[in-house]
Amino acid sequence: MKQIVLSLLIIFLIGCNQQTNNPYKGLTFNERGVPQYNEVTSAGTKMITVDGKYKVWTKKIGDGDIKVLLLHGGPAAAHDYFESFEDFLPPAGIEFYYYDQLGCGNSDIPADTSLWNLPRFVEEVEQVRQGLDLENFYLLGHSWGGLLAMEYLQKYQNHVKGAVLSNMVAGIKSYTDYTSQLKTQIFTPQEIKKFDSLDRLQQYDSPLYQELLMSKLYPSVICRLETWPEPLMRTLKKLNPAIYIQMQGVDEFHVTGNLKHWEMWDRLPNITVPTLVIGGEKDEMNPQDMRKEGKLIPNSRTYLCPNGSHMAMWDDQQNYFNNLIAFLKDVEENKFTPDPK
């Protein structure tokens, strides 16, 4: 008898869990199990008009009360490398939105170079928020997306319930100072000599220069997996170099674009929504500066993945998502407590 009761209880709990995380709740089905819709579906995809004339691509994944808008890195990458989120957030009952920024991925790619500046991208994020009808939502920005999120929060955080600043420090000087250190830590003296020689000649496209980046630097601080995930490789193939060079520069060592003087340190205390600063101990962003960032945001929690690099959502995946989802649920359930400052 006890075994029967226990079995029924297990079936009941599994059924409750499936119902809670069921992405098809509210749908009706015909006698053959085919879902019935009253309008044409788009598989969660929505094109949103920005700046009155351009279209940017978004896609809703999962279903839940917790809604997260993702801001991808770059500048000028695309959403694809965020696909690891699909294995973690929807099963936890969390709804999230991909979004390819203008000039990237599946969005319009205009030739107007006056568009590629930080203030315009901030306004683009706000237009996307309105287009998705998001209010009291969570904003997650990774790398350049983290920079963009910090700027967005300075102006529009009244719409945001919680923020995640992933793998980004609060100033370009901090960033470039640390990449200079990484060069001496990762390259051999002979490699540094070759690198500096090519640098002086500005031969950034040379096979040797690119080889030093791809075989030495990036496997150490960008993604530490022996084989890089296909979604990450797909993202790199989609990178729009015109935007990247105009805003960033040729690579991590040369921030010569219009972001070169960007600093946020003295404005971080203005971010008052619950915030998670998350990164990797082996990141190309200085771990100590990410900790400093967390201390300057008054209502924040900081976690650095012990084995993670810049793509900690891939190379220290379980730690990354354990802490991300715990943060989202703590805020949603009014259980969030910031770190001591």
Protein backbone atom coordinates (compact mmCIF):
# COMPACT_ATOMS: atom_id res chain seq x y z
CA MET A 1 0.00 0.00 0.00
CA LYS A 2 2.81 2.42 0.91
CA GLN A 3 4.51 1.67 -2.42
CA ILE A 4 1.31 2.47 -4.33
CA VAL A 5 0.87 5.77 -2.47
CA LEU A 6 4.52 6.66 -3.07
CA SER A 7 4.21 5.89 -6.80
CA LEU A 8 1.08 8.02 -7.08
CA LEU A 9 2.83 10.87 -5.27
CA ILE A 10 5.81 10.70 -7.66
CA ILE A 11 3.48 10.73 -10.68
CA PHE A 12 1.61 13.70 -9.22
CA LEU A 13 4.82 15.67 -8.58
CA ILE A 14 6.18 14.94 -12.06
CA GLY A 15 2.89 16.04 -13.56
CA CYS A 16 2.93 19.28 -11.55
CA ASN A 17 6.49 20.00 -12.63
CA GLN A 18 5.67 19.35 -16.28
CA GLN A 19 2.64 21.60 -16.01
CA THR A 20 4.68 24.38 -14.44
CA ASN A 21 7.28 24.27 -17.21
CA ASN A 22 4.88 23.38 -20.03
CA PRO A 23 5.49 25.78 -22.94
CA TYR A 24 2.16 24.73 -24.50
CA LYS A 25 -0.13 25.66 -21.64
CA GLY A 26 -3.26 27.43 -22.78
CA LEU A 27 -3.28 25.70 -26.18
CA THR A 28 -6.07 23.46 -27.39
CA PHE A 29 -5.44 20.33 -29.43
CA ASN A 30 -7.59 18.40 -31.89
CA GLU A 31 -8.30 14.66 -31.71
CA ARG A 32 -4.95 13.89 -33.41
CA GLY A 33 -2.96 15.99 -30.95
CA VAL A 34 -2.38 18.89 -33.35
CA PRO A 35 -2.29 22.32 -31.62
CA GLN A 36 -5.03 24.70 -32.73
CA TYR A 37 -4.21 28.40 -33.25
CA ASN A 38 -6.52 31.29 -34.02
CA GLU A 39 -3.89 33.18 -36.00
CA VAL A 40 -0.75 32.53 -38.04
CA THR A 41 2.17 31.65 -35.78
CA SER A 42 5.77 32.81 -36.20
CA ALA A 43 7.60 30.39 -33.89
CA GLY A 44 8.24 33.23 -31.45
CA THR A 45 9.97 35.43 -34.04
CA LYS A 46 9.10 39.11 -34.23
CA MET A 47 10.65 41.82 -36.38
CA ILE A 48 10.65 45.17 -34.58
CA THR A 49 10.95 48.55 -36.29
CA VAL A 50 13.66 50.82 -34.87
CA ASP A 51 14.57 54.36 -35.84
CA GLY A 52 11.35 54.49 -37.83
CA LYS A 53 12.60 52.41 -40.77
CA TYR A 54 14.89 49.49 -39.87
CA LYS A 55 13.88 45.99 -38.78
CA VAL A 56 15.61 44.07 -36.00
CA TRP A 57 15.06 40.38 -35.34
CA THR A 58 13.85 38.96 -32.02
CA LYS A 59 12.72 35.50 -30.95
CA LYS A 60 10.92 34.37 -27.81
CA ILE A 61 12.11 31.09 -26.25
CA GLY A 62 10.21 29.31 -23.50
CA ASP A 63 7.35 30.53 -21.37
CA GLY A 64 7.27 31.88 -17.85
CA ASP A 65 6.70 34.81 -15.53
CA ILE A 66 10.43 35.58 -15.46
CA LYS A 67 11.26 37.30 -18.77
CA VAL A 68 14.86 37.96 -19.82
CA LEU A 69 16.06 40.08 -22.75
CA LEU A 70 19.56 39.14 -23.96
CA LEU A 71 22.03 41.70 -25.29
CA HIS A 72 24.77 39.94 -27.26
CA GLY A 73 28.42 40.92 -27.43
CA GLY A 74 30.59 42.35 -30.16
CA PRO A 75 30.00 45.07 -30.96
CA ALA A 76 28.46 43.53 -34.09
CA ALA A 77 28.23 39.85 -33.17
CA ALA A 78 24.85 38.05 -33.11
CA HIS A 79 22.63 36.07 -30.76
CA ASP A 80 23.76 32.57 -31.83
CA TYR A 81 26.28 31.90 -29.06
CA PHE A 82 23.51 32.38 -26.50
CA GLU A 83 21.94 29.09 -27.64
CA SER A 84 23.33 27.39 -24.53
CA PHE A 85 20.60 29.27 -22.64
CA GLU A 86 17.98 27.06 -24.26
CA ASP A 87 19.09 24.03 -22.25
CA PHE A 88 18.82 25.84 -18.91
CA LEU A 89 16.32 28.70 -18.77
CA PRO A 90 13.14 27.21 -20.31
CA PRO A 91 13.35 23.99 -18.21
CA ALA A 92 13.56 26.27 -15.15
CA GLY A 93 10.35 28.05 -16.22
CA ILE A 94 12.15 31.15 -17.51
CA GLU A 95 11.20 32.90 -20.74
CA PHE A 96 13.92 34.69 -22.69
CA TYR A 97 14.32 36.71 -25.86
CA TYR A 98 17.04 36.61 -28.47
CA TYR A 99 17.68 39.92 -30.19
CA ASP A 100 20.11 40.66 -33.03
CA GLN A 101 21.13 44.30 -32.78
CA LEU A 102 20.86 46.46 -35.89
CA GLY A 103 23.64 45.63 -38.34
CA CYS A 104 23.97 42.10 -36.95
CA GLY A 105 22.77 38.58 -37.70
CA ASN A 106 19.17 38.38 -38.88
CA SER A 107 18.48 42.10 -38.52
CA ASP A 108 18.76 44.77 -41.20
CA ILE A 109 22.35 45.68 -42.07
CA PRO A 110 22.32 49.30 -43.28
CA ALA A 111 25.42 50.92 -44.75
CA ASP A 112 24.96 54.19 -42.83
CA THR A 113 28.03 54.38 -40.56
CA SER A 114 26.52 57.21 -38.49
CA LEU A 115 24.31 54.55 -36.83
CA TRP A 116 27.17 52.81 -35.04
CA ASN A 117 27.41 54.72 -31.78
CA LEU A 118 26.52 53.97 -28.17
CA PRO A 119 23.67 56.48 -27.59
CA ARG A 120 21.77 55.21 -30.64
CA PHE A 121 22.14 51.59 -29.50
CA VAL A 122 20.71 52.54 -26.07
CA GLU A 123 17.64 53.98 -27.76
CA GLU A 124 17.41 50.87 -29.94
CA VAL A 125 17.22 48.65 -26.85
CA GLU A 126 14.39 50.79 -25.51
CA GLN A 127 12.51 50.51 -28.81
CA VAL A 128 12.96 46.72 -28.71
CA ARG A 129 11.67 46.62 -25.13
CA GLN A 130 8.58 48.53 -26.19
CA GLY A 131 8.13 46.34 -29.27
CA LEU A 132 8.22 43.20 -27.12
CA ASP A 133 5.91 44.80 -24.54
CA LEU A 134 8.37 44.01 -21.75
CA GLU A 135 7.88 45.65 -18.37
CA ASN A 136 9.36 44.64 -15.04
CA PHE A 137 11.71 42.35 -16.97
CA TYR A 138 15.31 41.18 -16.59
CA LEU A 139 18.10 42.54 -18.78
CA LEU A 140 21.19 40.41 -19.42
CA GLY A 141 24.11 41.90 -21.31
CA HIS A 142 27.25 39.96 -22.16
CA SER A 143 30.59 41.64 -23.03
CA TRP A 144 29.71 44.65 -25.26
CA GLY A 145 26.11 43.80 -24.36
CA GLY A 146 27.07 44.33 -20.70
CA LEU A 147 28.46 47.76 -21.56
CA LEU A 148 25.23 48.53 -23.41
CA ALA A 149 23.17 47.28 -20.47
CA MET A 150 25.03 49.57 -18.05
CA GLU A 151 24.26 52.55 -20.27
CA TYR A 152 20.63 51.51 -20.72
CA LEU A 153 20.20 51.25 -16.95
CA GLN A 154 21.42 54.82 -16.51
CA LYS A 155 18.37 56.02 -18.42
CA TYR A 156 15.68 53.35 -18.41
CA GLN A 157 16.09 51.18 -15.32
CA ASN A 158 12.57 52.04 -14.17
CA HIS A 159 11.40 49.35 -16.63
CA VAL A 160 13.86 46.73 -15.31
CA LYS A 161 13.27 44.34 -12.41
CA GLY A 162 16.81 42.96 -12.35
CA ALA A 163 20.01 43.15 -14.39
CA VAL A 164 22.82 40.73 -15.21
CA LEU A 165 26.18 42.19 -16.28
CA SER A 166 28.06 39.26 -17.75
CA ASN A 167 31.79 39.23 -18.48
CA MET A 168 32.28 43.00 -18.74
CA VAL A 169 34.19 45.58 -16.74
CA ALA A 170 33.08 49.18 -16.29
CA GLY A 171 35.75 50.95 -18.31
CA ILE A 172 37.81 50.58 -21.47
CA LYS A 173 41.06 51.61 -19.76
CA SER A 174 40.67 48.72 -17.31
CA TYR A 175 39.99 46.41 -20.23
CA THR A 176 43.01 47.41 -22.31
CA ASP A 177 45.35 47.53 -19.30
CA TYR A 178 44.44 43.91 -18.57
CA THR A 179 44.76 42.67 -22.15
CA SER A 180 48.27 44.14 -22.18
CA GLN A 181 49.04 42.09 -19.07
CA LEU A 182 47.58 38.98 -20.69
CA LYS A 183 49.93 39.36 -23.63
CA THR A 184 52.94 39.04 -21.36
CA GLN A 185 51.36 36.16 -19.41
CA ILE A 186 50.24 34.06 -22.38
CA PHE A 187 52.79 34.76 -25.13
CA THR A 188 56.40 33.63 -24.93
CA PRO A 189 59.11 36.32 -25.21
CA GLN A 190 59.70 35.28 -28.82
CA GLU A 191 55.98 35.49 -29.59
CA ILE A 192 55.75 38.92 -27.97
CA LYS A 193 58.62 40.10 -30.18
CA LYS A 194 56.85 38.83 -33.31
CA PHE A 195 53.51 40.25 -32.17
CA ASP A 196 54.96 43.70 -31.44
CA SER A 197 56.82 43.74 -34.75
CA LEU A 198 53.60 43.02 -36.67
CA ASP A 199 51.78 45.55 -34.51
CA ARG A 200 54.22 48.32 -35.41
CA LEU A 201 53.68 47.50 -39.08
CA GLN A 202 49.89 47.35 -38.51
CA GLN A 203 49.81 43.95 -40.17
CA TYR A 204 46.77 42.84 -38.25
CA ASP A 205 45.47 40.65 -41.06
CA SER A 206 48.70 38.73 -41.44
CA PRO A 207 48.42 34.94 -40.85
CA LEU A 208 51.06 35.05 -38.10
CA TYR A 209 49.30 37.84 -36.19
CA GLN A 210 45.96 36.06 -36.43
CA GLU A 211 47.55 32.76 -35.45
CA LEU A 212 48.88 34.26 -32.22
CA LEU A 213 45.38 35.45 -31.36
CA MET A 214 43.55 32.28 -32.37
CA SER A 215 46.01 29.69 -31.09
CA LYS A 216 47.32 31.37 -27.92
CA LEU A 217 45.16 34.24 -26.62
CA TYR A 218 41.61 33.19 -27.45
CA PRO A 219 41.85 29.56 -26.21
CA SER A 220 43.11 30.93 -22.89
CA VAL A 221 40.64 33.74 -22.19
CA ILE A 222 37.75 33.64 -24.71
CA CYS A 223 36.69 29.98 -24.62
CA ARG A 224 38.74 27.26 -22.96
CA LEU A 225 36.96 24.27 -24.49
CA GLU A 226 39.21 22.18 -26.73
CA THR A 227 36.57 22.29 -29.48
CA TRP A 228 34.62 25.51 -29.65
CA PRO A 229 30.82 25.03 -29.76
CA GLU A 230 29.22 25.36 -33.18
CA PRO A 231 26.93 28.25 -32.09
CA LEU A 232 30.00 30.23 -31.01
CA MET A 233 31.78 29.54 -34.31
CA ARG A 234 28.62 30.51 -36.18
CA THR A 235 28.54 33.81 -34.29
CA LEU A 236 32.14 34.62 -35.21
CA LYS A 237 31.39 34.01 -38.89
CA LYS A 238 28.53 36.53 -38.69
CA LEU A 239 30.53 39.34 -37.06
CA ASN A 240 30.10 42.64 -38.92
CA PRO A 241 33.69 44.01 -39.12
CA ALA A 242 32.57 47.49 -40.21
CA ILE A 243 30.73 48.05 -36.92
CA TYR A 244 33.36 46.29 -34.81
CA ILE A 245 36.22 48.40 -36.17
CA GLN A 246 34.27 51.67 -35.95
CA MET A 247 33.25 51.10 -32.35
CA GLN A 248 36.00 48.87 -30.92
CA GLY A 249 39.05 48.59 -33.16
CA VAL A 250 40.95 45.78 -34.83
CA ASP A 251 41.15 43.52 -31.76
CA GLU A 252 41.38 43.36 -27.94
CA PHE A 253 44.70 45.20 -27.85
CA HIS A 254 43.64 48.15 -29.98
CA VAL A 255 40.50 49.96 -28.85
CA THR A 256 40.66 52.82 -31.32
CA GLY A 257 36.95 53.14 -32.09
CA ASN A 258 34.35 55.47 -30.65
CA LEU A 259 34.20 53.44 -27.41
CA LYS A 260 37.85 54.13 -26.55
CA HIS A 261 37.06 56.73 -23.86
CA TRP A 262 34.05 54.92 -22.37
CA GLU A 263 34.07 54.78 -18.55
CA MET A 264 31.24 53.85 -16.18
CA TRP A 265 32.96 53.48 -12.80
CA ASP A 266 31.69 56.72 -11.25
CA ARG A 267 28.14 56.05 -12.51
CA LEU A 268 27.79 52.49 -11.24
CA PRO A 269 26.14 53.60 -7.94
CA ASN A 270 23.25 54.92 -10.07
CA ILE A 271 22.30 51.30 -10.85
CA THR A 272 19.93 50.45 -8.01
CA VAL A 273 17.96 47.46 -9.34
CA PRO A 274 19.06 44.01 -8.12
CA THR A 275 22.10 43.15 -10.22
CA LEU A 276 24.25 40.09 -10.79
CA VAL A 277 27.82 40.72 -11.91
CA ILE A 278 29.00 37.41 -13.36
CA GLY A 279 32.18 36.48 -15.19
CA GLY A 280 35.08 34.05 -15.23
CA GLU A 281 38.25 33.77 -13.20
CA LYS A 282 40.08 33.13 -16.50
CA ASP A 283 38.28 35.87 -18.43
CA GLU A 284 39.86 38.44 -20.74
CA MET A 285 38.20 40.93 -18.38
CA ASN A 286 40.14 41.49 -15.18
CA PRO A 287 38.47 39.39 -12.43
CA GLN A 288 39.49 41.94 -9.80
CA ASP A 289 37.84 44.72 -11.79
CA MET A 290 34.64 42.70 -12.08
CA ARG A 291 34.67 42.33 -8.29
CA LYS A 292 35.24 46.08 -7.98
CA GLU A 293 32.29 46.64 -10.32
CA GLY A 294 30.09 44.53 -8.06
CA LYS A 295 31.12 46.48 -4.98
CA LEU A 296 30.24 49.80 -6.61
CA ILE A 297 26.72 48.68 -7.57
CA PRO A 298 24.84 48.99 -4.27
CA ASN A 299 22.25 46.24 -4.75
CA SER A 300 24.44 43.61 -6.39
CA ARG A 301 25.78 40.12 -6.09
CA THR A 302 29.04 39.01 -7.77
CA TYR A 303 29.99 35.53 -8.93
CA LEU A 304 33.05 34.56 -10.97
CA CYS A 305 32.99 31.07 -12.47
CA PRO A 306 36.14 29.32 -11.22
CA ASN A 307 36.91 27.59 -14.54
CA GLY A 308 35.21 30.10 -16.81
CA SER A 309 36.64 32.47 -19.38
CA HIS A 310 34.85 35.11 -21.46
CA MET A 311 32.39 32.45 -22.65
CA ALA A 312 31.72 31.01 -19.22
CA MET A 313 28.21 30.04 -20.37
CA TRP A 314 30.07 27.39 -22.38
CA ASP A 315 33.33 26.52 -20.61
CA ASP A 316 32.01 26.66 -17.01
CA GLN A 317 28.42 26.10 -17.95
CA GLN A 318 26.91 24.52 -14.85
CA ASN A 319 28.39 27.10 -12.48
CA TYR A 320 27.29 29.93 -14.78
CA PHE A 321 23.67 28.81 -15.05
CA ASN A 322 23.34 27.65 -11.43
CA ASN A 323 24.18 31.16 -10.29
CA LEU A 324 22.28 32.99 -13.03
CA ILE A 325 19.04 31.11 -12.40
CA ALA A 326 19.43 31.37 -8.62
CA PHE A 327 19.71 35.16 -8.99
CA LEU A 328 16.66 35.43 -11.24
CA LYS A 329 14.53 33.30 -8.94
CA ASP A 330 15.76 35.05 -5.79
CA VAL A 331 14.73 38.43 -7.20
CA GLU A 332 11.41 37.09 -8.49
CA GLU A 333 10.61 35.49 -5.12
CA ASN A 334 11.74 38.56 -3.11
CA LYS A 335 14.58 36.53 -1.58
CA PHE A 336 17.48 38.47 -3.12
CA THR A 337 20.14 39.77 -0.76
CA PRO A 338 23.13 41.74 -2.08
CA ASP A 339 26.70 40.96 -1.16
CA PRO A 340 28.16 42.95 1.76
CA LYS A 341 29.92 46.08 0.47
